[in-house]
C-alpha atoms as a PDB file:
ATOM      1  CA  MET A   1      56.337 -35.104 -84.291  1.00  0.00           C
ATOM      2  CA  GLN A   2      59.634 -36.825 -84.986  1.00  0.00           C
ATOM      3  CA  ILE A   3      61.455 -34.591 -82.508  1.00  0.00           C
ATOM      4  CA  LEU A   4      58.946 -35.533 -79.809  1.00  0.00           C
ATOM      5  CA  PHE A   5      59.701 -39.220 -80.380  1.00  0.00           C
ATOM      6  CA  GLN A   6      63.437 -38.512 -80.240  1.00  0.00           C
ATOM      7  CA  ILE A   7      63.015 -36.662 -76.950  1.00  0.00           C
ATOM      8  CA  LEU A   8      60.984 -39.517 -75.460  1.00  0.00           C
ATOM      9  CA  GLN A   9      63.466 -42.130 -76.727  1.00  0.00           C
ATOM     10  CA  ARG A  10      66.370 -40.268 -75.094  1.00  0.00           C
ATOM     11  CA  THR A  11      64.537 -39.884 -71.806  1.00  0.00           C
ATOM     12  CA  PRO A  12      66.007 -42.178 -69.136  1.00  0.00           C
ATOM     13  CA  VAL A  13      63.659 -44.947 -67.984  1.00  0.00           C
ATOM     14  CA  TRP A  14      63.744 -43.729 -64.367  1.00  0.00           C
ATOM     15  CA  VAL A  15      61.997 -40.497 -65.449  1.00  0.00           C
ATOM     16  CA  PHE A  16      58.924 -42.498 -66.464  1.00  0.00           C
ATOM     17  CA  GLY A  17      58.997 -44.284 -63.102  1.00  0.00           C
ATOM     18  CA  LEU A  18      59.186 -40.931 -61.348  1.00  0.00           C
ATOM     19  CA  PHE A  19      56.219 -39.669 -63.369  1.00  0.00           C
ATOM     20  CA  PHE A  20      54.039 -42.630 -62.404  1.00  0.00           C
ATOM     21  CA  GLY A  21      55.230 -42.423 -58.796  1.00  0.00           C
ATOM     22  CA  LEU A  22      54.180 -38.768 -58.647  1.00  0.00           C
ATOM     23  CA  LEU A  23      50.831 -39.650 -60.204  1.00  0.00           C
ATOM     24  CA  ALA A  24      50.249 -42.259 -57.488  1.00  0.00           C
ATOM     25  CA  LEU A  25      51.380 -39.884 -54.741  1.00  0.00           C
ATOM     26  CA  GLY A  26      49.124 -37.141 -56.098  1.00  0.00           C
ATOM     27  CA  TYR A  27      46.181 -39.515 -56.199  1.00  0.00           C
ATOM     28  CA  LEU A  28      46.774 -40.420 -52.544  1.00  0.00           C
ATOM     29  CA  GLN A  29      46.760 -36.700 -51.714  1.00  0.00           C
ATOM     30  CA  SER A  30      43.249 -36.460 -53.177  1.00  0.00           C
ATOM     31  CA  LYS A  31      41.895 -38.569 -50.290  1.00  0.00           C
ATOM     32  CA  SER A  32      41.371 -37.359 -46.728  1.00  0.00           C
ATOM     33  CA  ARG A  33      43.986 -38.913 -44.482  1.00  0.00           C
ATOM     34  CA  GLU A  34      45.687 -38.885 -41.104  1.00  0.00           C
ATOM     35  CA  VAL A  35      49.291 -37.710 -41.335  1.00  0.00           C
ATOM     36  CA  SER A  36      52.071 -37.770 -38.759  1.00  0.00           C
ATOM     37  CA  PRO A  37      54.157 -34.609 -38.320  1.00  0.00           C
ATOM     38  CA  LEU A  38      57.151 -36.365 -39.922  1.00  0.00           C
ATOM     39  CA  ARG A  39      55.119 -37.417 -42.943  1.00  0.00           C
ATOM     40  CA  LEU A  40      53.688 -33.910 -43.219  1.00  0.00           C
ATOM     41  CA  ALA A  41      57.216 -32.521 -43.593  1.00  0.00           C
ATOM     42  CA  ALA A  42      58.483 -35.209 -45.984  1.00  0.00           C
ATOM     43  CA  LEU A  43      56.776 -34.129 -49.232  1.00  0.00           C
ATOM     44  CA  PRO A  44      57.609 -30.401 -49.070  1.00  0.00           C
ATOM     45  CA  LEU A  45      61.209 -31.175 -48.129  1.00  0.00           C
ATOM     46  CA  ALA A  46      61.588 -33.757 -50.895  1.00  0.00           C
ATOM     47  CA  LEU A  47      60.068 -31.478 -53.534  1.00  0.00           C
ATOM     48  CA  GLY A  48      62.144 -28.532 -52.328  1.00  0.00           C
ATOM     49  CA  VAL A  49      65.332 -30.571 -52.652  1.00  0.00           C
ATOM     50  CA  PHE A  50      64.066 -31.893 -55.998  1.00  0.00           C
ATOM     51  CA  SER A  51      63.672 -28.348 -57.388  1.00  0.00           C
ATOM     52  CA  LEU A  52      66.932 -27.089 -55.862  1.00  0.00           C
ATOM     53  CA  VAL A  53      68.879 -29.992 -57.392  1.00  0.00           C
ATOM     54  CA  GLN A  54      67.309 -29.216 -60.775  1.00  0.00           C
ATOM     55  CA  LEU A  55      68.237 -25.573 -60.444  1.00  0.00           C
ATOM     56  CA  TRP A  56      71.811 -26.386 -59.433  1.00  0.00           C
ATOM     57  CA  GLY A  57      72.183 -28.974 -62.205  1.00  0.00           C
ATOM     58  CA  SER A  58      70.902 -26.625 -64.883  1.00  0.00           C
ATOM     59  CA  PHE A  59      72.244 -23.254 -63.737  1.00  0.00           C
ATOM     60  CA  SER A  60      75.069 -23.867 -61.264  1.00  0.00           C
ATOM     61  CA  ALA A  61      76.853 -20.669 -62.302  1.00  0.00           C
ATOM     62  CA  GLN A  62      73.802 -18.426 -61.958  1.00  0.00           C
ATOM     63  CA  PRO A  63      73.314 -16.972 -58.454  1.00  0.00           C
ATOM     64  CA  LEU A  64      70.332 -15.014 -59.763  1.00  0.00           C
ATOM     65  CA  GLY A  65      68.531 -18.344 -60.269  1.00  0.00           C
ATOM     66  CA  PHE A  66      68.944 -19.217 -56.600  1.00  0.00           C
ATOM     67  CA  ALA A  67      67.846 -15.764 -55.452  1.00  0.00           C
ATOM     68  CA  ALA A  68      64.759 -16.118 -57.669  1.00  0.00           C
ATOM     69  CA  TRP A  69      64.124 -19.595 -56.180  1.00  0.00           C
ATOM     70  CA  VAL A  70      64.074 -18.077 -52.680  1.00  0.00           C
ATOM     71  CA  ALA A  71      61.800 -15.278 -53.946  1.00  0.00           C
ATOM     72  CA  GLY A  72      59.449 -17.908 -55.413  1.00  0.00           C
ATOM     73  CA  ILE A  73      59.219 -19.666 -52.066  1.00  0.00           C
ATOM     74  CA  GLY A  74      58.486 -16.315 -50.400  1.00  0.00           C
ATOM     75  CA  ALA A  75      55.762 -15.569 -52.953  1.00  0.00           C
ATOM     76  CA  ALA A  76      54.169 -18.967 -52.298  1.00  0.00           C
ATOM     77  CA  LEU A  77      54.184 -18.346 -48.544  1.00  0.00           C
ATOM     78  CA  LEU A  78      52.576 -14.931 -49.006  1.00  0.00           C
ATOM     79  CA  ALA A  79      49.967 -16.270 -51.432  1.00  0.00           C
ATOM     80  CA  ASN A  80      48.982 -19.049 -49.059  1.00  0.00           C
ATOM     81  CA  ARG A  81      48.391 -16.523 -46.288  1.00  0.00           C
ATOM     82  CA  ALA A  82      45.576 -15.177 -48.477  1.00  0.00           C
ATOM     83  CA  PHE A  83      44.247 -18.511 -49.764  1.00  0.00           C
ATOM     84  CA  GLU A  84      44.733 -20.471 -46.502  1.00  0.00           C
ATOM     85  CA  GLN A  85      45.150 -23.868 -48.151  1.00  0.00           C
ATOM     86  CA  PRO A  86      44.441 -26.543 -47.252  1.00  0.00           C
ATOM     87  CA  GLY A  87      41.342 -25.619 -45.319  1.00  0.00           C
ATOM     88  CA  GLY A  88      39.774 -28.029 -42.863  1.00  0.00           C
ATOM     89  CA  ALA A  89      42.986 -29.544 -41.483  1.00  0.00           C
ATOM     90  CA  ARG A  90      42.860 -30.537 -37.812  1.00  0.00           C
ATOM     91  CA  TRP A  91      45.350 -31.700 -35.188  1.00  0.00           C
ATOM     92  CA  SER A  92      44.512 -34.657 -32.966  1.00  0.00           C
ATOM     93  CA  ALA A  93      46.572 -34.588 -29.783  1.00  0.00           C
ATOM     94  CA  ALA A  94      45.221 -38.024 -28.859  1.00  0.00           C
ATOM     95  CA  SER A  95      46.630 -39.743 -31.947  1.00  0.00           C
ATOM     96  CA  GLY A  96      49.474 -37.287 -32.591  1.00  0.00           C
ATOM     97  CA  THR A  97      48.377 -36.869 -36.207  1.00  0.00           C
ATOM     98  CA  PHE A  98      46.919 -34.248 -38.484  1.00  0.00           C
ATOM     99  CA  HIS A  99      43.682 -34.852 -40.349  1.00  0.00           C
ATOM    100  CA  VAL A 100      44.252 -33.458 -43.847  1.00  0.00           C
ATOM    101  CA  PRO A 101      41.305 -33.212 -46.228  1.00  0.00           C
ATOM    102  CA  GLY A 102      41.834 -34.572 -49.715  1.00  0.00           C
ATOM    103  CA  SER A 103      42.616 -32.260 -52.613  1.00  0.00           C
ATOM    104  CA  TRP A 104      43.552 -32.641 -56.259  1.00  0.00           C
ATOM    105  CA  LEU A 105      45.726 -29.506 -56.060  1.00  0.00           C
ATOM    106  CA  PRO A 106      48.870 -31.396 -54.951  1.00  0.00           C
ATOM    107  CA  LEU A 107      48.597 -33.702 -57.987  1.00  0.00           C
ATOM    108  CA  ALA A 108      48.240 -30.714 -60.307  1.00  0.00           C
ATOM    109  CA  LEU A 109      51.220 -28.980 -58.686  1.00  0.00           C
ATOM    110  CA  MET A 110      53.347 -32.144 -58.882  1.00  0.00           C
ATOM    111  CA  MET A 111      52.556 -32.514 -62.572  1.00  0.00           C
ATOM    112  CA  VAL A 112      53.397 -28.868 -63.269  1.00  0.00           C
ATOM    113  CA  MET A 113      56.669 -29.302 -61.356  1.00  0.00           C
ATOM    114  CA  PHE A 114      57.502 -32.554 -63.153  1.00  0.00           C
ATOM    115  CA  PHE A 115      56.807 -31.175 -66.631  1.00  0.00           C
ATOM    116  CA  SER A 116      58.628 -27.923 -65.819  1.00  0.00           C
ATOM    117  CA  ARG A 117      61.697 -29.873 -64.808  1.00  0.00           C
ATOM    118  CA  TYR A 118      61.363 -32.082 -67.868  1.00  0.00           C
ATOM    119  CA  ALA A 119      61.079 -29.041 -70.157  1.00  0.00           C
ATOM    120  CA  LEU A 120      64.115 -27.432 -68.491  1.00  0.00           C
ATOM    121  CA  ALA A 121      66.163 -30.577 -69.017  1.00  0.00           C
ATOM    122  CA  VAL A 122      65.092 -30.908 -72.652  1.00  0.00           C
ATOM    123  CA  GLY A 123      65.659 -27.208 -73.288  1.00  0.00           C
ATOM    124  CA  ALA A 124      69.137 -27.327 -71.760  1.00  0.00           C
ATOM    125  CA  ALA A 125      69.995 -30.409 -73.824  1.00  0.00           C
ATOM    126  CA  MET A 126      68.790 -28.790 -77.037  1.00  0.00           C
ATOM    127  CA  GLN A 127      70.099 -25.269 -76.298  1.00  0.00           C
ATOM    128  CA  PRO A 128      73.074 -25.489 -73.891  1.00  0.00           C
ATOM    129  CA  ALA A 129      73.462 -21.691 -74.018  1.00  0.00           C
ATOM    130  CA  LEU A 130      70.273 -21.386 -71.920  1.00  0.00           C
ATOM    131  CA  ALA A 131      72.271 -22.480 -68.874  1.00  0.00           C
ATOM    132  CA  GLN A 132      74.323 -19.285 -69.219  1.00  0.00           C
ATOM    133  CA  SER A 133      71.319 -16.964 -69.428  1.00  0.00           C
ATOM    134  CA  ALA A 134      70.715 -15.128 -66.158  1.00  0.00           C
ATOM    135  CA  GLY A 135      67.157 -14.242 -67.200  1.00  0.00           C
ATOM    136  CA  PHE A 136      66.297 -17.824 -68.012  1.00  0.00           C
ATOM    137  CA  ALA A 137      67.857 -19.013 -64.742  1.00  0.00           C
ATOM    138  CA  ALA A 138      65.870 -16.402 -62.816  1.00  0.00           C
ATOM    139  CA  GLY A 139      62.583 -17.399 -64.477  1.00  0.00           C
ATOM    140  CA  ALA A 140      63.214 -21.092 -63.917  1.00  0.00           C
ATOM    141  CA  GLY A 141      64.339 -20.472 -60.346  1.00  0.00           C
ATOM    142  CA  PHE A 142      61.277 -18.405 -59.502  1.00  0.00           C
ATOM    143  CA  GLY A 143      58.917 -20.982 -61.034  1.00  0.00           C
ATOM    144  CA  LEU A 144      60.550 -23.911 -59.252  1.00  0.00           C
ATOM    145  CA  GLY A 145      60.633 -21.978 -55.969  1.00  0.00           C
ATOM    146  CA  LEU A 146      56.977 -21.013 -56.332  1.00  0.00           C
ATOM    147  CA  LEU A 147      55.933 -24.617 -56.932  1.00  0.00           C
ATOM    148  CA  SER A 148      57.986 -26.200 -54.162  1.00  0.00           C
ATOM    149  CA  GLY A 149      57.152 -23.271 -51.882  1.00  0.00           C
ATOM    150  CA  THR A 150      53.460 -23.979 -52.355  1.00  0.00           C
ATOM    151  CA  PHE A 151      53.929 -27.424 -50.797  1.00  0.00           C
ATOM    152  CA  PHE A 152      55.920 -25.887 -47.957  1.00  0.00           C
ATOM    153  CA  ALA A 153      53.214 -23.242 -47.389  1.00  0.00           C
ATOM    154  CA  ARG A 154      50.484 -25.892 -47.346  1.00  0.00           C
ATOM    155  CA  ALA A 155      52.422 -27.948 -44.782  1.00  0.00           C
ATOM    156  CA  LEU A 156      52.927 -24.867 -42.594  1.00  0.00           C
ATOM    157  CA  ARG A 157      49.187 -24.176 -42.790  1.00  0.00           C
ATOM    158  CA  VAL A 158      48.411 -27.699 -41.597  1.00  0.00           C
ATOM    159  CA  TRP A 159      51.114 -27.460 -38.910  1.00  0.00           C
ATOM    160  CA  SER A 160      49.502 -24.251 -37.637  1.00  0.00           C
ATOM    161  CA  GLN A 161      46.490 -26.337 -36.575  1.00  0.00           C
ATOM    162  CA  ARG A 162      48.692 -27.923 -33.911  1.00  0.00           C
ATOM    163  CA  ARG A 163      48.955 -24.576 -32.163  1.00  0.00           C
ATOM    164  CA  ALA A 164      45.247 -23.870 -32.641  1.00  0.00           C
ATOM    165  CA  ASP A 165      44.198 -26.788 -30.414  1.00  0.00           C
END
C-alpha cells in the first residue's frame, strides 16, 4: 500500500486534471448529440497523437513498437467493420452535422487508455530496462494503437453516414 501512495505522490498534478477531463469528456459522449465534421475528427486525432507521444516517449528506440501501433490501428479498423459501432449515426445535410447516439463505450475506452498510459509511465520509472525491451514495446504499441484506432474506426463509421444520404 505504501508504494501506491508513493506513486500517487510522485504523479504530476496535471495528470489528475487530465483524468477528470477525460471523465467529463466520456460522460458527454454518453449523451446523444449533434457533431460537426471537425469535432468528429478532433477526438480520434487527439487520442491518436496522445498514444503516439506516449509510445515515442517510452520506447523511442524501438521501431517494433511503432509497427505494432500501426497494426493495432489496423486491427481496430477491421474489428469495427464487424461490430459497426456506433450504430444509429445519421448525417443531416441541412445542418451540416452528424447525429451521434450516446454510448458509454468511449468513456470506458478513454479510461483504459489513460490507465494503460499511467501504468506504462510508472513501469518505465520503476524498471527503466523495460524501455529497451522490444517485446514490451510491441505489446504496448499494439495496445495503444488498438485503443486509439477504435476511436478512429468509430469516427470513420459515423463519417460513412455522410455518403449514405
